[in-house]
PDB file of N, CA and C in Angstrom:
ATOM      1  N   MET A   1     101.138 104.956  80.951  1.00  0.00           N
ATOM      2  CA  MET A   1     102.981 105.066  80.682  1.00  0.00           C
ATOM      3  C   MET A   1     103.631 104.444  78.927  1.00  0.00           C
ATOM      4  N   PRO A   2     104.270 105.317  78.538  1.00  0.00           N
ATOM      5  CA  PRO A   2     104.393 104.859  77.393  1.00  0.00           C
ATOM      6  C   PRO A   2     105.274 103.895  77.335  1.00  0.00           C
ATOM      7  N   LYS A   3     105.287 103.206  75.619  1.00  0.00           N
ATOM      8  CA  LYS A   3     105.337 101.699  75.371  1.00  0.00           C
ATOM      9  C   LYS A   3     106.810 101.389  76.187  1.00  0.00           C
ATOM     10  N   GLY A   4     107.382 101.045  76.469  1.00  0.00           N
ATOM     11  CA  GLY A   4     109.295 100.622  75.887  1.00  0.00           C
ATOM     12  C   GLY A   4     109.114 101.084  77.824  1.00  0.00           C
ATOM     13  N   SER A   5     108.508 101.691  78.650  1.00  0.00           N
ATOM     14  CA  SER A   5     109.258 102.887  79.780  1.00  0.00           C
ATOM     15  C   SER A   5     108.755 101.703  81.294  1.00  0.00           C
ATOM     16  N   LEU A   6     107.980 100.333  80.975  1.00  0.00           N
ATOM     17  CA  LEU A   6     107.832  99.446  82.148  1.00  0.00           C
ATOM     18  C   LEU A   6     109.469  99.043  82.578  1.00  0.00           C
ATOM     19  N   LYS A   7     109.946  98.547  83.464  1.00  0.00           N
ATOM     20  CA  LYS A   7     111.115  98.506  83.800  1.00  0.00           C
ATOM     21  C   LYS A   7     110.606  96.811  84.205  1.00  0.00           C
ATOM     22  N   LYS A   8     111.616  96.066  83.246  1.00  0.00           N
ATOM     23  CA  LYS A   8     111.735  94.441  84.234  1.00  0.00           C
ATOM     24  C   LYS A   8     112.077  94.429  85.078  1.00  0.00           C
ATOM     25  N   SER A   9     111.592  93.918  85.987  1.00  0.00           N
ATOM     26  CA  SER A   9     112.444  93.540  87.831  1.00  0.00           C
ATOM     27  C   SER A   9     112.480  92.237  87.401  1.00  0.00           C
ATOM     28  N   ALA A  10     113.780  91.957  87.054  1.00  0.00           N
ATOM     29  CA  ALA A  10     113.945  90.401  87.297  1.00  0.00           C
ATOM     30  C   ALA A  10     114.553  89.681  88.384  1.00  0.00           C
ATOM     31  N   ALA A  11     113.506  89.363  89.024  1.00  0.00           N
ATOM     32  CA  ALA A  11     113.177  88.691  90.222  1.00  0.00           C
ATOM     33  C   ALA A  11     114.593  87.327  89.983  1.00  0.00           C
ATOM     34  N   LYS A  12     115.230  87.401  90.968  1.00  0.00           N
ATOM     35  CA  LYS A  12     116.273  86.546  91.122  1.00  0.00           C
ATOM     36  C   LYS A  12     116.055  85.643  92.365  1.00  0.00           C
ATOM     37  N   THR A  13     116.309  84.222  91.748  1.00  0.00           N
ATOM     38  CA  THR A  13     116.419  83.612  92.340  1.00  0.00           C
ATOM     39  C   THR A  13     117.697  82.576  93.190  1.00  0.00           C
ATOM     40  N   LYS A  14     117.418  82.799  94.388  1.00  0.00           N
ATOM     41  CA  LYS A  14     118.808  82.091  95.133  1.00  0.00           C
ATOM     42  C   LYS A  14     118.522  80.548  95.388  1.00  0.00           C
ATOM     43  N   THR A  15     119.372  79.520  94.525  1.00  0.00           N
ATOM     44  CA  THR A  15     119.304  78.256  95.335  1.00  0.00           C
ATOM     45  C   THR A  15     120.708  77.889  95.825  1.00  0.00           C
ATOM     46  N   VAL A  16     120.161  76.529  96.534  1.00  0.00           N
ATOM     47  CA  VAL A  16     121.066  75.984  97.217  1.00  0.00           C
ATOM     48  C   VAL A  16     121.114  74.501  97.145  1.00  0.00           C
ATOM     49  N   PRO A  17     122.404  74.135  97.131  1.00  0.00           N
ATOM     50  CA  PRO A  17     122.050  73.074  97.263  1.00  0.00           C
ATOM     51  C   PRO A  17     121.398  71.951  98.027  1.00  0.00           C
ATOM     52  N   TYR A  18     120.826  71.105  97.743  1.00  0.00           N
ATOM     53  CA  TYR A  18     120.177  70.274  98.289  1.00  0.00           C
ATOM     54  C   TYR A  18     120.808  69.465  99.443  1.00  0.00           C
ATOM     55  N   ASP A  19     120.773  69.095 100.221  1.00  0.00           N
ATOM     56  CA  ASP A  19     121.600  68.313 101.829  1.00  0.00           C
ATOM     57  C   ASP A  19     120.470  67.180 102.010  1.00  0.00           C
ATOM     58  N   VAL A  20     120.077  66.193 101.805  1.00  0.00           N
ATOM     59  CA  VAL A  20     119.370  65.070 102.203  1.00  0.00           C
ATOM     60  C   VAL A  20     120.148  65.103 104.261  1.00  0.00           C
ATOM     61  N   ALA A  21     120.861  65.049 103.779  1.00  0.00           N
ATOM     62  CA  ALA A  21     121.216  64.743 105.227  1.00  0.00           C
ATOM     63  C   ALA A  21     120.590  65.783 106.560  1.00  0.00           C
ATOM     64  N   GLU A  22     119.984  67.156 105.903  1.00  0.00           N
ATOM     65  CA  GLU A  22     119.236  68.206 106.689  1.00  0.00           C
ATOM     66  C   GLU A  22     118.006  67.774 107.083  1.00  0.00           C
ATOM     67  N   GLN A  23     117.637  66.813 106.009  1.00  0.00           N
ATOM     68  CA  GLN A  23     116.060  66.413 106.427  1.00  0.00           C
ATOM     69  C   GLN A  23     115.967  65.174 107.149  1.00  0.00           C
ATOM     70  N   LEU A  24     117.411  64.301 107.397  1.00  0.00           N
ATOM     71  CA  LEU A  24     117.262  63.217 108.483  1.00  0.00           C
ATOM     72  C   LEU A  24     116.745  63.630 110.065  1.00  0.00           C
ATOM     73  N   ARG A  25     116.503  64.153 110.404  1.00  0.00           N
ATOM     74  CA  ARG A  25     116.430  64.264 111.825  1.00  0.00           C
ATOM     75  C   ARG A  25     115.922  63.242 112.852  1.00  0.00           C
ATOM     76  N   THR A  26     115.737  62.140 112.785  1.00  0.00           N
ATOM     77  CA  THR A  26     114.834  61.033 114.255  1.00  0.00           C
ATOM     78  C   THR A  26     115.515  60.322 113.432  1.00  0.00           C
ATOM     79  N   PRO A  27     115.808  58.757 114.372  1.00  0.00           N
ATOM     80  CA  PRO A  27     116.385  57.977 114.307  1.00  0.00           C
ATOM     81  C   PRO A  27     115.337  56.651 112.815  1.00  0.00           C
ATOM     82  N   GLU A  28     113.849  57.123 112.965  1.00  0.00           N
ATOM     83  CA  GLU A  28     113.043  56.709 112.389  1.00  0.00           C
ATOM     84  C   GLU A  28     113.881  57.323 110.981  1.00  0.00           C
ATOM     85  N   GLU A  29     113.219  58.565 110.917  1.00  0.00           N
ATOM     86  CA  GLU A  29     113.567  59.069 109.361  1.00  0.00           C
ATOM     87  C   GLU A  29     114.831  58.383 109.123  1.00  0.00           C
ATOM     88  N   MET A  30     115.909  58.482 109.757  1.00  0.00           N
ATOM     89  CA  MET A  30     117.298  58.012 108.744  1.00  0.00           C
ATOM     90  C   MET A  30     117.278  56.264 108.912  1.00  0.00           C
ATOM     91  N   ALA A  31     116.187  55.743 109.612  1.00  0.00           N
ATOM     92  CA  ALA A  31     115.843  53.822 109.550  1.00  0.00           C
ATOM     93  C   ALA A  31     115.218  54.324 108.026  1.00  0.00           C
ATOM     94  N   ALA A  32     114.324  54.479 108.286  1.00  0.00           N
ATOM     95  CA  ALA A  32     113.335  54.308 106.684  1.00  0.00           C
ATOM     96  C   ALA A  32     114.177  54.365 105.642  1.00  0.00           C
ATOM     97  N   TYR A  33     115.323  55.934 105.291  1.00  0.00           N
ATOM     98  CA  TYR A  33     116.004  56.468 104.319  1.00  0.00           C
ATOM     99  C   TYR A  33     116.819  55.414 103.758  1.00  0.00           C
ATOM    100  N   LEU A  34     117.377  54.654 104.771  1.00  0.00           N
ATOM    101  CA  LEU A  34     118.452  53.609 104.101  1.00  0.00           C
ATOM    102  C   LEU A  34     117.704  52.346 104.065  1.00  0.00           C
ATOM    103  N   ASP A  35     116.619  51.726 104.717  1.00  0.00           N
ATOM    104  CA  ASP A  35     115.718  51.305 104.089  1.00  0.00           C
ATOM    105  C   ASP A  35     115.264  50.997 102.622  1.00  0.00           C
ATOM    106  N   ALA A  36     115.050  52.418 102.347  1.00  0.00           N
ATOM    107  CA  ALA A  36     114.721  51.777 101.534  1.00  0.00           C
ATOM    108  C   ALA A  36     115.641  52.312  99.925  1.00  0.00           C
ATOM    109  N   TRP A  37     116.509  52.787  99.954  1.00  0.00           N
ATOM    110  CA  TRP A  37     118.081  52.452  99.141  1.00  0.00           C
ATOM    111  C   TRP A  37     118.337  50.720  99.302  1.00  0.00           C
ATOM    112  N   LEU A  38     117.931  49.832 100.591  1.00  0.00           N
ATOM    113  CA  LEU A  38     118.465  48.271 100.921  1.00  0.00           C
ATOM    114  C   LEU A  38     117.088  48.058  99.347  1.00  0.00           C
ATOM    115  N   ALA A  39     115.950  48.403  99.926  1.00  0.00           N
ATOM    116  CA  ALA A  39     114.977  48.228  98.730  1.00  0.00           C
ATOM    117  C   ALA A  39     114.945  47.753  97.489  1.00  0.00           C
ATOM    118  N   GLU A  40     114.995  49.749  97.276  1.00  0.00           N
ATOM    119  CA  GLU A  40     115.123  50.450  96.217  1.00  0.00           C
ATOM    120  C   GLU A  40     116.505  50.076  95.055  1.00  0.00           C
ATOM    121  N   ALA A  41     117.596  50.111  95.713  1.00  0.00           N
ATOM    122  CA  ALA A  41     118.690  49.465  95.331  1.00  0.00           C
ATOM    123  C   ALA A  41     119.725  48.731  95.653  1.00  0.00           C
ATOM    124  N   PRO A  42     119.197  47.497  96.004  1.00  0.00           N
ATOM    125  CA  PRO A  42     119.838  46.486  96.240  1.00  0.00           C
ATOM    126  C   PRO A  42     121.237  46.252  95.971  1.00  0.00           C
ATOM    127  N   ASP A  43     121.483  46.390  94.863  1.00  0.00           N
ATOM    128  CA  ASP A  43     122.662  46.279  94.326  1.00  0.00           C
ATOM    129  C   ASP A  43     123.666  47.407  93.732  1.00  0.00           C
ATOM    130  N   ASP A  44     123.030  48.471  94.467  1.00  0.00           N
ATOM    131  CA  ASP A  44     124.288  49.639  94.376  1.00  0.00           C
ATOM    132  C   ASP A  44     124.680  49.930  95.533  1.00  0.00           C
ATOM    133  N   ALA A  45     126.207  49.225  95.373  1.00  0.00           N
ATOM    134  CA  ALA A  45     126.662  49.315  97.047  1.00  0.00           C
ATOM    135  C   ALA A  45     127.472  50.763  97.308  1.00  0.00           C
ATOM    136  N   ALA A  46     127.916  51.263  95.944  1.00  0.00           N
ATOM    137  CA  ALA A  46     127.992  53.353  96.387  1.00  0.00           C
ATOM    138  C   ALA A  46     126.826  53.769  96.936  1.00  0.00           C
ATOM    139  N   GLY A  47     125.367  53.677  96.519  1.00  0.00           N
ATOM    140  CA  GLY A  47     124.472  54.153  96.751  1.00  0.00           C
ATOM    141  C   GLY A  47     124.205  53.705  98.499  1.00  0.00           C
ATOM    142  N   ILE A  48     124.330  52.583  98.836  1.00  0.00           N
ATOM    143  CA  ILE A  48     123.933  52.348 100.031  1.00  0.00           C
ATOM    144  C   ILE A  48     124.871  52.896 100.763  1.00  0.00           C
ATOM    145  N   ALA A  49     126.151  53.145 100.225  1.00  0.00           N
ATOM    146  CA  ALA A  49     127.276  53.517 101.361  1.00  0.00           C
ATOM    147  C   ALA A  49     127.274  55.185 101.590  1.00  0.00           C
ATOM    148  N   ARG A  50     126.818  55.668 100.017  1.00  0.00           N
ATOM    149  CA  ARG A  50     126.360  56.854  99.945  1.00  0.00           C
ATOM    150  C   ARG A  50     125.121  57.160 101.238  1.00  0.00           C
ATOM    151  N   ALA A  51     124.241  56.780 101.342  1.00  0.00           N
ATOM    152  CA  ALA A  51     123.634  56.730 102.462  1.00  0.00           C
ATOM    153  C   ALA A  51     123.746  56.348 103.607  1.00  0.00           C
ATOM    154  N   LEU A  52     124.809  55.274 103.755  1.00  0.00           N
ATOM    155  CA  LEU A  52     125.059  55.347 105.254  1.00  0.00           C
ATOM    156  C   LEU A  52     125.808  56.464 105.139  1.00  0.00           C
ATOM    157  N   GLY A  53     126.643  57.527 104.657  1.00  0.00           N
ATOM    158  CA  GLY A  53     127.383  58.921 104.566  1.00  0.00           C
ATOM    159  C   GLY A  53     126.295  59.742 104.742  1.00  0.00           C
ATOM    160  N   ASP A  54     125.049  59.965 104.681  1.00  0.00           N
ATOM    161  CA  ASP A  54     124.322  61.158 104.415  1.00  0.00           C
ATOM    162  C   ASP A  54     123.903  61.231 106.055  1.00  0.00           C
ATOM    163  N   ILE A  55     123.073  59.494 106.321  1.00  0.00           N
ATOM    164  CA  ILE A  55     123.026  59.290 107.680  1.00  0.00           C
ATOM    165  C   ILE A  55     123.930  60.047 108.774  1.00  0.00           C
ATOM    166  N   ALA A  56     125.344  59.314 108.328  1.00  0.00           N
ATOM    167  CA  ALA A  56     126.321  60.187 109.614  1.00  0.00           C
ATOM    168  C   ALA A  56     126.663  60.782 109.381  1.00  0.00           C
ATOM    169  N   ARG A  57     126.499  61.877 108.580  1.00  0.00           N
ATOM    170  CA  ARG A  57     126.508  63.103 107.985  1.00  0.00           C
ATOM    171  C   ARG A  57     125.798  64.247 109.032  1.00  0.00           C
ATOM    172  N   ALA A  58     124.604  63.493 109.050  1.00  0.00           N
ATOM    173  CA  ALA A  58     123.236  64.396 110.090  1.00  0.00           C
ATOM    174  C   ALA A  58     123.550  63.871 111.436  1.00  0.00           C
ATOM    175  N   LYS A  59     123.620  62.279 111.848  1.00  0.00           N
ATOM    176  CA  LYS A  59     124.174  62.666 112.894  1.00  0.00           C
ATOM    177  C   LYS A  59     125.305  63.127 113.577  1.00  0.00           C
ATOM    178  N   GLY A  60     126.437  63.764 112.817  1.00  0.00           N
ATOM    179  CA  GLY A  60     127.476  64.276 113.232  1.00  0.00           C
ATOM    180  C   GLY A  60     128.602  63.119 112.840  1.00  0.00           C
ATOM    181  N   MET A  61     129.672  63.658 111.862  1.00  0.00           N
ATOM    182  CA  MET A  61     130.369  62.611 111.320  1.00  0.00           C
ATOM    183  C   MET A  61     130.999  62.510 112.528  1.00  0.00           C
ATOM    184  N   SER A  62     131.983  63.365 113.309  1.00  0.00           N
ATOM    185  CA  SER A  62     133.292  63.074 113.887  1.00  0.00           C
ATOM    186  C   SER A  62     132.536  62.092 114.870  1.00  0.00           C
ATOM    187  N   GLN A  63     130.798  62.009 115.879  1.00  0.00           N
ATOM    188  CA  GLN A  63     130.806  61.526 116.682  1.00  0.00           C
ATOM    189  C   GLN A  63     130.578  59.800 116.458  1.00  0.00           C
ATOM    190  N   VAL A  64     130.055  59.812 115.069  1.00  0.00           N
ATOM    191  CA  VAL A  64     130.043  58.539 114.458  1.00  0.00           C
ATOM    192  C   VAL A  64     131.619  57.737 113.988  1.00  0.00           C
ATOM    193  N   ALA A  65     132.469  58.538 114.308  1.00  0.00           N
ATOM    194  CA  ALA A  65     133.657  57.458 113.325  1.00  0.00           C
ATOM    195  C   ALA A  65     134.409  57.135 114.917  1.00  0.00           C
ATOM    196  N   ARG A  66     134.316  58.527 115.789  1.00  0.00           N
ATOM    197  CA  ARG A  66     134.399  57.882 117.034  1.00  0.00           C
ATOM    198  C   ARG A  66     133.384  56.731 117.724  1.00  0.00           C
ATOM    199  N   ASP A  67     132.708  56.618 117.489  1.00  0.00           N
ATOM    200  CA  ASP A  67     131.131  55.456 117.677  1.00  0.00           C
ATOM    201  C   ASP A  67     131.875  54.014 117.235  1.00  0.00           C
ATOM    202  N   ALA A  68     131.866  54.247 115.905  1.00  0.00           N
ATOM    203  CA  ALA A  68     132.386  53.418 115.432  1.00  0.00           C
ATOM    204  C   ALA A  68     133.791  52.547 114.930  1.00  0.00           C
ATOM    205  N   GLY A  69     135.130  53.767 115.798  1.00  0.00           N
ATOM    206  CA  GLY A  69     136.594  53.577 116.061  1.00  0.00           C
ATOM    207  C   GLY A  69     136.681  53.343 115.013  1.00  0.00           C
ATOM    208  N   LEU A  70     136.645  54.124 113.809  1.00  0.00           N
ATOM    209  CA  LEU A  70     137.741  54.695 112.434  1.00  0.00           C
ATOM    210  C   LEU A  70     137.566  56.184 112.886  1.00  0.00           C
ATOM    211  N   SER A  71     138.577  56.879 112.199  1.00  0.00           N
ATOM    212  CA  SER A  71     138.952  58.071 111.758  1.00  0.00           C
ATOM    213  C   SER A  71     137.906  58.738 110.996  1.00  0.00           C
ATOM    214  N   ARG A  72     138.092  59.953 111.236  1.00  0.00           N
ATOM    215  CA  ARG A  72     136.698  60.773 110.622  1.00  0.00           C
ATOM    216  C   ARG A  72     136.681  60.906 108.883  1.00  0.00           C
ATOM    217  N   GLU A  73     138.749  60.647 109.074  1.00  0.00           N
ATOM    218  CA  GLU A  73     138.711  60.627 107.467  1.00  0.00           C
ATOM    219  C   GLU A  73     138.555  59.893 106.709  1.00  0.00           C
ATOM    220  N   SER A  74     138.559  58.297 107.544  1.00  0.00           N
ATOM    221  CA  SER A  74     138.821  57.190 106.789  1.00  0.00           C
ATOM    222  C   SER A  74     137.214  57.462 106.349  1.00  0.00           C
ATOM    223  N   LEU A  75     136.589  57.281 107.535  1.00  0.00           N
ATOM    224  CA  LEU A  75     134.867  57.389 107.480  1.00  0.00           C
ATOM    225  C   LEU A  75     134.144  58.317 106.377  1.00  0.00           C
ATOM    226  N   TYR A  76     134.807  59.485 106.573  1.00  0.00           N
ATOM    227  CA  TYR A  76     134.331  60.480 105.360  1.00  0.00           C
ATOM    228  C   TYR A  76     135.080  59.502 103.225  1.00  0.00           C
ATOM    229  N   LYS A  77     136.050  58.955 103.741  1.00  0.00           N
ATOM    230  CA  LYS A  77     136.613  58.532 102.813  1.00  0.00           C
ATOM    231  C   LYS A  77     135.674  57.328 101.799  1.00  0.00           C
ATOM    232  N   ALA A  78     135.333  56.373 103.011  1.00  0.00           N
ATOM    233  CA  ALA A  78     134.635  54.902 103.005  1.00  0.00           C
ATOM    234  C   ALA A  78     133.858  55.387 101.993  1.00  0.00           C
ATOM    235  N   LEU A  79     132.660  56.706 103.042  1.00  0.00           N
ATOM    236  CA  LEU A  79     131.269  56.311 102.286  1.00  0.00           C
ATOM    237  C   LEU A  79     130.795  57.419 101.502  1.00  0.00           C
ATOM    238  N   SER A  80     132.353  58.308 101.340  1.00  0.00           N
ATOM    239  CA  SER A  80     131.874  59.259  99.897  1.00  0.00           C
ATOM    240  C   SER A  80     131.376  58.471  99.044  1.00  0.00           C
ATOM    241  N   GLU A  81     130.977  59.457  97.666  1.00  0.00           N
ATOM    242  CA  GLU A  81     131.211  58.569  96.039  1.00  0.00           C
ATOM    243  C   GLU A  81     131.697  57.767  95.447  1.00  0.00           C
ATOM    244  N   ASN A  82     132.725  57.642  95.688  1.00  0.00           N
ATOM    245  CA  ASN A  82     133.987  56.860  95.343  1.00  0.00           C
ATOM    246  C   ASN A  82     134.286  55.550  96.099  1.00  0.00           C
ATOM    247  N   GLY A  83     133.859  55.819  97.008  1.00  0.00           N
ATOM    248  CA  GLY A  83     134.225  55.195  98.293  1.00  0.00           C
ATOM    249  C   GLY A  83     133.463  53.457  98.067  1.00  0.00           C
ATOM    250  N   ASN A  84     134.755  52.692  98.815  1.00  0.00           N
ATOM    251  CA  ASN A  84     134.376  50.923  99.259  1.00  0.00           C
ATOM    252  C   ASN A  84     134.532  50.403 100.123  1.00  0.00           C
ATOM    253  N   PRO A  85     133.797  50.652 101.473  1.00  0.00           N
ATOM    254  CA  PRO A  85     134.368  50.356 102.368  1.00  0.00           C
ATOM    255  C   PRO A  85     133.944  48.561 102.078  1.00  0.00           C
ATOM    256  N   SER A  86     134.763  48.525 103.246  1.00  0.00           N
ATOM    257  CA  SER A  86     134.228  46.605 103.358  1.00  0.00           C
ATOM    258  C   SER A  86     133.145  46.409 104.001  1.00  0.00           C
ATOM    259  N   PHE A  87     133.144  45.464 103.899  1.00  0.00           N
ATOM    260  CA  PHE A  87     131.865  45.050 104.804  1.00  0.00           C
ATOM    261  C   PHE A  87     131.625  45.399 106.594  1.00  0.00           C
ATOM    262  N   ALA A  88     132.861  44.446 106.965  1.00  0.00           N
ATOM    263  CA  ALA A  88     133.191  45.082 108.726  1.00  0.00           C
ATOM    264  C   ALA A  88     133.087  46.715 108.576  1.00  0.00           C
ATOM    265  N   THR A  89     132.917  47.975 107.952  1.00  0.00           N
ATOM    266  CA  THR A  89     133.372  48.832 107.962  1.00  0.00           C
ATOM    267  C   THR A  89     131.595  49.318 107.785  1.00  0.00           C
ATOM    268  N   VAL A  90     131.053  48.743 106.660  1.00  0.00           N
ATOM    269  CA  VAL A  90     129.803  48.919 107.282  1.00  0.00           C
ATOM    270  C   VAL A  90     128.839  48.649 108.231  1.00  0.00           C
ATOM    271  N   LEU A  91     129.228  47.425 108.611  1.00  0.00           N
ATOM    272  CA  LEU A  91     128.419  46.592 110.165  1.00  0.00           C
ATOM    273  C   LEU A  91     129.334  47.529 111.056  1.00  0.00           C
ATOM    274  N   LYS A  92     130.141  48.303 111.353  1.00  0.00           N
ATOM    275  CA  LYS A  92     130.656  49.252 112.205  1.00  0.00           C
ATOM    276  C   LYS A  92     130.237  50.762 112.295  1.00  0.00           C
ATOM    277  N   VAL A  93     129.618  50.834 111.042  1.00  0.00           N
ATOM    278  CA  VAL A  93     129.275  52.292 111.064  1.00  0.00           C
ATOM    279  C   VAL A  93     127.804  52.453 111.016  1.00  0.00           C
ATOM    280  N   ALA A  94     126.930  51.052 110.589  1.00  0.00           N
ATOM    281  CA  ALA A  94     125.627  50.979 111.217  1.00  0.00           C
ATOM    282  C   ALA A  94     125.333  50.269 112.381  1.00  0.00           C
ATOM    283  N   ARG A  95     126.137  50.021 113.011  1.00  0.00           N
ATOM    284  CA  ARG A  95     126.067  50.053 114.511  1.00  0.00           C
ATOM    285  C   ARG A  95     126.616  51.338 115.202  1.00  0.00           C
ATOM    286  N   ALA A  96     127.215  52.092 115.147  1.00  0.00           N
ATOM    287  CA  ALA A  96     127.502  53.534 115.456  1.00  0.00           C
ATOM    288  C   ALA A  96     126.182  54.699 115.057  1.00  0.00           C
ATOM    289  N   LEU A  97     125.718  54.230 114.006  1.00  0.00           N
ATOM    290  CA  LEU A  97     124.265  55.047 113.211  1.00  0.00           C
ATOM    291  C   LEU A  97     122.957  54.465 114.529  1.00  0.00           C
ATOM    292  N   GLY A  98     123.549  53.241 115.150  1.00  0.00           N
ATOM    293  CA  GLY A  98     122.029  53.152 115.767  1.00  0.00           C
ATOM    294  C   GLY A  98     120.539  52.403 114.901  1.00  0.00           C
ATOM    295  N   VAL A  99     121.341  51.890 113.390  1.00  0.00           N
ATOM    296  CA  VAL A  99     120.399  50.951 112.579  1.00  0.00           C
ATOM    297  C   VAL A  99     120.951  49.915 112.402  1.00  0.00           C
ATOM    298  N   ARG A 100     120.139  48.908 111.909  1.00  0.00           N
ATOM    299  CA  ARG A 100     119.925  47.327 111.941  1.00  0.00           C
ATOM    300  C   ARG A 100     120.124  47.280 110.355  1.00  0.00           C
ATOM    301  N   LEU A 101     120.673  46.341 109.513  1.00  0.00           N
ATOM    302  CA  LEU A 101     120.764  46.203 108.433  1.00  0.00           C
ATOM    303  C   LEU A 101     119.552  44.723 108.832  1.00  0.00           C
ATOM    304  N   HIS A 102     118.653  44.791 107.780  1.00  0.00           N
ATOM    305  CA  HIS A 102     117.353  43.421 107.879  1.00  0.00           C
ATOM    306  C   HIS A 102     117.395  42.540 106.675  1.00  0.00           C
ATOM    307  N   ALA A 103     117.052  41.322 106.391  1.00  0.00           N
ATOM    308  CA  ALA A 103     117.355  40.621 105.436  1.00  0.00           C
ATOM    309  C   ALA A 103     115.525  39.706 105.498  1.00  0.00           C
ATOM    310  N   GLU A 104     115.229  39.479 104.422  1.00  0.00           N
ATOM    311  CA  GLU A 104     114.486  38.649 103.897  1.00  0.00           C
ATOM    312  C   GLU A 104     113.968  37.998 103.386  1.00  0.00           C
ATOM    313  N   ALA A 105     113.413  37.256 103.035  1.00  0.00           N
ATOM    314  CA  ALA A 105     113.473  36.224 101.751  1.00  0.00           C
ATOM    315  C   ALA A 105     112.695  36.628 100.886  1.00  0.00           C
ATOM    316  N   ALA A 106     113.392  36.618  99.300  1.00  0.00           N
ATOM    317  CA  ALA A 106     113.148  37.434  98.456  1.00  0.00           C
ATOM    318  C   ALA A 106     111.963  37.205  97.500  1.00  0.00           C
TER     319      ALA A 106
END
């Protein structure tokens, strides 16, 4: 084959956004994910709220909102990156998700 006649095949890689909610399949995985956030970033309230949001999306946001007694829109807002849920909302969401917050001596 003459030099320069090789066709370069540019393999195109398709990327898709990673969504942790797709990986949270069981109650144990959901609880472990939240527990990791609580252990590794205990001062990151926004991160912990986002973790609750990830779990809520994995379970189904509409169902979690109903179980927590909140509107779906207010749940999305509270658990978004810029959300700042009240502690009462966090407790309602945790109960609706079937997870418990845990305390231990530091």
